[in-house]
Amino acid sequence: MLGISGEHLLILGIVLIVFGPRRLPQLGHTMGKAIKNFKDGIAGIEEASYRKLDSQDNPQKKPPTDTDGGNGNPPTGSQLS
């Protein structure tokens, strides 16, 4: 029967009893708008993309220079000048 099973008719009957025949068009309109807004919202979301920032990718940022002479000790007053 038009591709509608018994379960679908039962659900439609319960909805008709709960909301009444006068509110069904308004309910359908509201549900249609909600689904459209949901689909529009999902379409606007882009997948997050991540990229690794390396010193090679950013040539303007230079790595820190070695001011301690390579011995691992903090610079002294004579090495700062």
Protein backbone atom coordinates (compact mmCIF):
# COMPACT_ATOMS: atom_id res chain seq x y z
CA MET A 1 0.00 0.00 0.00
CA LEU A 2 2.04 2.94 -1.32
CA GLY A 3 5.16 1.70 0.48
CA ILE A 4 3.70 2.48 3.91
CA SER A 5 3.89 -0.32 6.46
CA GLY A 6 1.73 -0.91 9.48
CA GLU A 7 4.29 0.63 11.81
CA HIS A 8 4.31 3.85 9.79
CA LEU A 9 0.52 4.08 9.90
CA LEU A 10 0.57 3.47 13.65
CA ILE A 11 3.13 6.26 14.20
CA LEU A 12 1.18 8.62 11.94
CA GLY A 13 -2.02 7.84 13.86
CA ILE A 14 -0.36 8.54 17.22
CA VAL A 15 1.07 11.83 15.95
CA LEU A 16 -2.34 12.81 14.60
CA ILE A 17 -3.97 12.06 17.95
CA VAL A 18 -1.32 13.92 19.96
CA PHE A 19 -1.03 17.06 17.83
CA GLY A 20 -4.40 17.13 16.06
CA PRO A 21 -5.12 17.74 12.38
CA ARG A 22 -4.85 21.54 12.65
CA ARG A 23 -1.32 21.55 14.04
CA LEU A 24 0.18 18.97 11.64
CA PRO A 25 0.92 21.45 8.80
CA GLN A 26 2.56 23.85 11.25
CA LEU A 27 4.56 20.99 12.76
CA GLY A 28 5.68 19.84 9.30
CA HIS A 29 6.71 23.38 8.36
CA THR A 30 8.71 23.78 11.56
CA MET A 31 10.42 20.41 11.12
CA GLY A 32 11.31 21.28 7.50
CA LYS A 33 12.89 24.57 8.55
CA ALA A 34 14.83 22.85 11.33
CA ILE A 35 16.21 20.21 8.96
CA LYS A 36 17.16 22.87 6.39
CA ASN A 37 18.96 24.96 9.04
CA PHE A 38 20.78 21.87 10.27
CA LYS A 39 21.96 20.94 6.77
CA ASP A 40 23.07 24.53 6.08
CA GLY A 41 25.00 24.56 9.36
CA ILE A 42 26.73 21.28 8.60
CA ALA A 43 27.66 22.47 5.09
CA GLY A 44 29.40 25.53 6.57
CA ILE A 45 31.68 23.52 8.83
CA GLU A 46 35.04 22.67 7.31
CA GLU A 47 37.26 19.86 8.45
CA ALA A 48 40.04 21.10 10.73
CA SER A 49 43.41 20.97 9.07
CA TYR A 50 46.70 21.09 10.87
CA ARG A 51 50.12 21.78 9.50
CA LYS A 52 53.47 21.49 11.10
CA LEU A 53 55.40 24.74 11.40
CA ASP A 54 59.09 24.23 10.80
CA SER A 55 61.88 26.75 10.65
CA GLN A 56 62.17 25.87 6.95
CA ASP A 57 58.52 26.83 6.38
CA ASN A 58 58.97 30.20 8.04
CA PRO A 59 62.20 31.76 6.74
CA GLN A 60 61.67 35.05 8.62
CA LYS A 61 62.00 33.40 12.02
CA LYS A 62 65.61 32.52 12.72
CA PRO A 63 66.71 30.00 15.34
CA PRO A 64 68.33 31.46 18.48
CA THR A 65 72.08 32.03 18.25
CA ASP A 66 74.51 30.28 20.52
CA THR A 67 75.97 32.97 22.84
CA ASP A 68 77.52 30.64 25.42
CA GLY A 69 80.30 29.42 23.16
CA GLY A 70 78.84 25.94 22.91
CA ASN A 71 79.85 24.82 26.41
CA GLY A 72 76.32 24.71 27.88
CA ASN A 73 77.01 27.37 30.51
CA PRO A 74 75.09 30.66 30.70
CA PRO A 75 76.91 33.64 29.20
CA THR A 76 79.02 35.75 31.49
CA GLY A 77 79.36 39.53 31.45
CA SER A 78 82.33 39.43 29.10
CA GLN A 79 80.49 37.22 26.60
CA LEU A 80 77.43 39.51 26.51
CA SER A 81 79.25 42.57 25.18
